[in-house]
């Protein structure tokens, strides 16, 4: 299990699979995700829908992958 999958389960009680990550990438690429912040040079925080649940993810723009799922209580600093 990847770090992102562990955090999705821990923080959202979601079992995420490859097709979920593809769907998240598509949302970000197509502008359907809401960018809510940045974390460093190459990563952004997005609000996305995963299996019908709104979730916050850290997305690596350069590598085009989900780094982690943030807690629902995360706030932009």
N, C-alpha and C. Protein backbone atom coordinates (compact mmCIF):
# COMPACT_ATOMS: atom_id res chain seq x y z
N UNK A 1 0.84 -1.17 0.00
CA UNK A 1 0.00 0.00 0.00
C UNK A 1 0.89 1.24 0.00
N UNK A 2 0.58 2.21 -0.86
CA UNK A 2 1.38 3.43 -0.94
C UNK A 2 1.03 4.38 0.20
N UNK A 3 1.86 5.38 0.39
CA UNK A 3 1.61 6.39 1.41
C UNK A 3 0.25 7.06 1.17
N UNK A 4 -0.03 7.45 -0.07
CA UNK A 4 -1.30 8.11 -0.37
C UNK A 4 -2.48 7.19 -0.07
N UNK A 5 -2.37 5.92 -0.41
CA UNK A 5 -3.44 4.97 -0.12
C UNK A 5 -3.65 4.82 1.39
N UNK A 6 -2.56 4.78 2.14
CA UNK A 6 -2.67 4.68 3.60
C UNK A 6 -3.38 5.90 4.18
N UNK A 7 -3.03 7.09 3.70
CA UNK A 7 -3.65 8.32 4.22
C UNK A 7 -5.12 8.42 3.79
N UNK A 8 -5.46 7.97 2.61
CA UNK A 8 -6.87 7.98 2.17
C UNK A 8 -7.70 7.09 3.07
N UNK A 9 -7.17 5.95 3.43
CA UNK A 9 -7.88 5.03 4.31
C UNK A 9 -7.98 5.60 5.73
N UNK A 10 -6.87 6.12 6.21
CA UNK A 10 -6.81 6.67 7.57
C UNK A 10 -7.71 7.90 7.73
N UNK A 11 -7.67 8.80 6.74
CA UNK A 11 -8.32 10.10 6.89
C UNK A 11 -9.72 10.18 6.29
N UNK A 12 -10.02 9.32 5.32
CA UNK A 12 -11.32 9.38 4.65
C UNK A 12 -12.04 8.03 4.62
N UNK A 13 -11.41 7.02 5.18
CA UNK A 13 -11.95 5.66 5.14
C UNK A 13 -12.23 5.20 3.71
N UNK A 14 -11.30 5.55 2.81
CA UNK A 14 -11.42 5.20 1.40
C UNK A 14 -10.32 4.22 1.00
N UNK A 15 -10.70 3.18 0.29
CA UNK A 15 -9.73 2.30 -0.35
C UNK A 15 -9.59 2.83 -1.77
N UNK A 16 -8.46 3.46 -2.07
CA UNK A 16 -8.26 4.03 -3.40
C UNK A 16 -7.37 3.13 -4.24
N UNK A 17 -7.70 3.07 -5.51
CA UNK A 17 -7.02 2.19 -6.45
C UNK A 17 -6.51 3.00 -7.63
N UNK A 18 -5.83 2.34 -8.54
CA UNK A 18 -5.26 3.01 -9.70
C UNK A 18 -6.29 3.85 -10.44
N UNK A 19 -7.50 3.30 -10.64
CA UNK A 19 -8.52 4.05 -11.38
C UNK A 19 -8.94 5.32 -10.63
N UNK A 20 -8.86 5.31 -9.30
CA UNK A 20 -9.17 6.51 -8.53
C UNK A 20 -8.09 7.57 -8.75
N UNK A 21 -6.83 7.15 -8.75
CA UNK A 21 -5.75 8.10 -8.99
C UNK A 21 -5.83 8.68 -10.41
N UNK A 22 -6.20 7.85 -11.37
CA UNK A 22 -6.37 8.33 -12.75
C UNK A 22 -7.50 9.37 -12.79
N UNK A 23 -8.59 9.11 -12.08
CA UNK A 23 -9.72 10.03 -12.04
C UNK A 23 -9.32 11.35 -11.38
N UNK A 24 -8.52 11.29 -10.33
CA UNK A 24 -8.04 12.51 -9.67
C UNK A 24 -7.17 13.32 -10.63
N UNK A 25 -6.25 12.65 -11.31
CA UNK A 25 -5.39 13.33 -12.28
C UNK A 25 -6.23 13.99 -13.37
N UNK A 26 -7.27 13.30 -13.82
CA UNK A 26 -8.15 13.84 -14.85
C UNK A 26 -8.87 15.09 -14.35
N UNK A 27 -9.37 15.05 -13.11
CA UNK A 27 -10.04 16.21 -12.54
C UNK A 27 -9.12 17.42 -12.50
N UNK A 28 -7.88 17.19 -12.09
CA UNK A 28 -6.91 18.28 -12.01
C UNK A 28 -6.58 18.78 -13.41
N UNK A 29 -6.31 17.90 -14.31
CA UNK A 29 -5.96 18.27 -15.69
C UNK A 29 -7.08 19.03 -16.39
N UNK A 30 -8.32 18.57 -16.19
CA UNK A 30 -9.47 19.17 -16.88
C UNK A 30 -10.04 20.39 -16.18
N UNK A 31 -9.48 20.76 -15.03
CA UNK A 31 -9.95 21.94 -14.32
C UNK A 31 -11.19 21.69 -13.48
N UNK A 32 -11.52 20.43 -13.23
CA UNK A 32 -12.68 20.11 -12.41
C UNK A 32 -12.35 20.08 -10.92
N UNK A 33 -11.08 20.05 -10.58
CA UNK A 33 -10.65 20.10 -9.18
C UNK A 33 -10.46 21.56 -8.80
N UNK A 34 -10.58 21.85 -7.52
CA UNK A 34 -10.40 23.22 -7.02
C UNK A 34 -9.04 23.31 -6.34
N UNK A 35 -8.18 24.18 -6.87
CA UNK A 35 -6.87 24.38 -6.25
C UNK A 35 -7.07 25.26 -5.01
N UNK A 36 -6.63 24.77 -3.87
CA UNK A 36 -6.84 25.50 -2.62
C UNK A 36 -5.54 25.96 -1.96
N UNK A 37 -4.41 25.62 -2.54
CA UNK A 37 -3.15 26.05 -1.98
C UNK A 37 -1.96 25.40 -2.65
N UNK A 38 -0.78 25.78 -2.17
CA UNK A 38 0.46 25.20 -2.66
C UNK A 38 1.29 24.75 -1.48
N UNK A 39 2.08 23.74 -1.70
CA UNK A 39 2.99 23.25 -0.67
C UNK A 39 4.34 23.02 -1.32
N UNK A 40 5.12 24.05 -1.40
CA UNK A 40 6.43 23.92 -2.01
C UNK A 40 6.40 24.25 -3.49
N UNK A 41 7.54 24.04 -4.11
CA UNK A 41 7.74 24.42 -5.50
C UNK A 41 6.93 23.60 -6.49
N UNK A 42 6.84 22.31 -6.28
CA UNK A 42 6.23 21.43 -7.26
C UNK A 42 4.89 20.83 -6.85
N UNK A 43 4.39 21.19 -5.68
CA UNK A 43 3.16 20.56 -5.22
C UNK A 43 2.06 21.57 -4.93
N UNK A 44 0.83 21.16 -5.24
CA UNK A 44 -0.35 21.97 -4.99
C UNK A 44 -1.37 21.13 -4.22
N UNK A 45 -2.25 21.82 -3.51
CA UNK A 45 -3.33 21.16 -2.79
C UNK A 45 -4.61 21.36 -3.58
N UNK A 46 -5.32 20.27 -3.82
CA UNK A 46 -6.57 20.32 -4.58
C UNK A 46 -7.70 19.67 -3.80
N UNK A 47 -8.89 20.21 -4.00
CA UNK A 47 -10.11 19.58 -3.51
C UNK A 47 -10.65 18.76 -4.67
N UNK A 48 -10.79 17.47 -4.49
CA UNK A 48 -11.23 16.56 -5.55
C UNK A 48 -12.36 15.68 -5.04
N UNK A 49 -13.03 15.01 -5.95
CA UNK A 49 -14.04 14.03 -5.59
C UNK A 49 -13.47 12.63 -5.81
N UNK A 50 -13.58 11.79 -4.78
CA UNK A 50 -13.09 10.42 -4.85
C UNK A 50 -14.21 9.52 -4.33
N UNK A 51 -14.72 8.68 -5.19
CA UNK A 51 -15.80 7.76 -4.82
C UNK A 51 -16.95 8.50 -4.15
N UNK A 52 -17.25 9.68 -4.68
CA UNK A 52 -18.38 10.47 -4.17
C UNK A 52 -18.08 11.27 -2.91
N UNK A 53 -16.84 11.27 -2.47
CA UNK A 53 -16.44 11.99 -1.26
C UNK A 53 -15.45 13.10 -1.64
N UNK A 54 -15.69 14.29 -1.07
CA UNK A 54 -14.76 15.40 -1.29
C UNK A 54 -13.51 15.18 -0.44
N UNK A 55 -12.35 15.26 -1.06
CA UNK A 55 -11.09 15.01 -0.37
C UNK A 55 -10.06 16.05 -0.77
N UNK A 56 -9.10 16.27 0.12
CA UNK A 56 -7.99 17.16 -0.16
C UNK A 56 -6.75 16.32 -0.46
N UNK A 57 -6.12 16.62 -1.58
CA UNK A 57 -4.91 15.88 -1.96
C UNK A 57 -3.76 16.84 -2.24
N UNK A 58 -2.56 16.37 -1.97
CA UNK A 58 -1.36 17.07 -2.39
C UNK A 58 -0.94 16.41 -3.70
N UNK A 59 -0.77 17.24 -4.73
CA UNK A 59 -0.48 16.74 -6.08
C UNK A 59 0.86 17.28 -6.55
N UNK A 60 1.73 16.40 -7.01
CA UNK A 60 3.01 16.80 -7.56
C UNK A 60 2.81 17.16 -9.02
N UNK A 61 2.93 18.45 -9.33
CA UNK A 61 2.68 18.93 -10.70
C UNK A 61 3.72 18.43 -11.69
N UNK A 62 4.95 18.35 -11.27
CA UNK A 62 6.01 17.91 -12.18
C UNK A 62 5.86 16.42 -12.52
N UNK A 63 5.69 15.59 -11.48
CA UNK A 63 5.58 14.15 -11.69
C UNK A 63 4.17 13.69 -12.02
N UNK A 64 3.17 14.60 -11.82
CA UNK A 64 1.77 14.30 -12.11
C UNK A 64 1.26 13.09 -11.32
N UNK A 65 1.43 13.17 -9.99
CA UNK A 65 0.92 12.09 -9.14
C UNK A 65 0.45 12.65 -7.80
N UNK A 66 -0.41 11.90 -7.13
CA UNK A 66 -0.91 12.27 -5.81
C UNK A 66 0.14 11.87 -4.78
N UNK A 67 0.58 12.84 -4.00
CA UNK A 67 1.58 12.60 -2.96
C UNK A 67 0.91 12.04 -1.71
N UNK A 68 -0.19 12.68 -1.29
CA UNK A 68 -0.88 12.26 -0.08
C UNK A 68 -2.29 12.83 -0.04
N UNK A 69 -3.07 12.33 0.88
CA UNK A 69 -4.39 12.87 1.20
C UNK A 69 -4.25 13.63 2.50
N UNK A 70 -4.71 14.87 2.53
CA UNK A 70 -4.63 15.68 3.74
C UNK A 70 -5.85 15.47 4.62
N UNK A 71 -5.72 15.76 5.92
CA UNK A 71 -6.88 15.65 6.80
C UNK A 71 -7.98 16.64 6.38
N UNK A 72 -9.22 16.31 6.69
CA UNK A 72 -10.34 17.19 6.37
C UNK A 72 -10.18 18.55 7.06
N UNK A 73 -9.44 18.57 8.16
CA UNK A 73 -9.27 19.81 8.95
C UNK A 73 -8.13 20.69 8.44
N UNK A 74 -7.46 20.30 7.36
CA UNK A 74 -6.34 21.09 6.85
C UNK A 74 -6.80 22.47 6.48
N UNK A 75 -5.98 23.45 6.82
CA UNK A 75 -6.28 24.84 6.45
C UNK A 75 -5.06 25.44 5.79
N UNK A 76 -5.32 26.22 4.77
CA UNK A 76 -4.23 26.92 4.07
C UNK A 76 -3.53 27.85 5.04
N UNK A 77 -2.21 27.82 5.01
CA UNK A 77 -1.42 28.68 5.90
C UNK A 77 -0.84 29.83 5.12
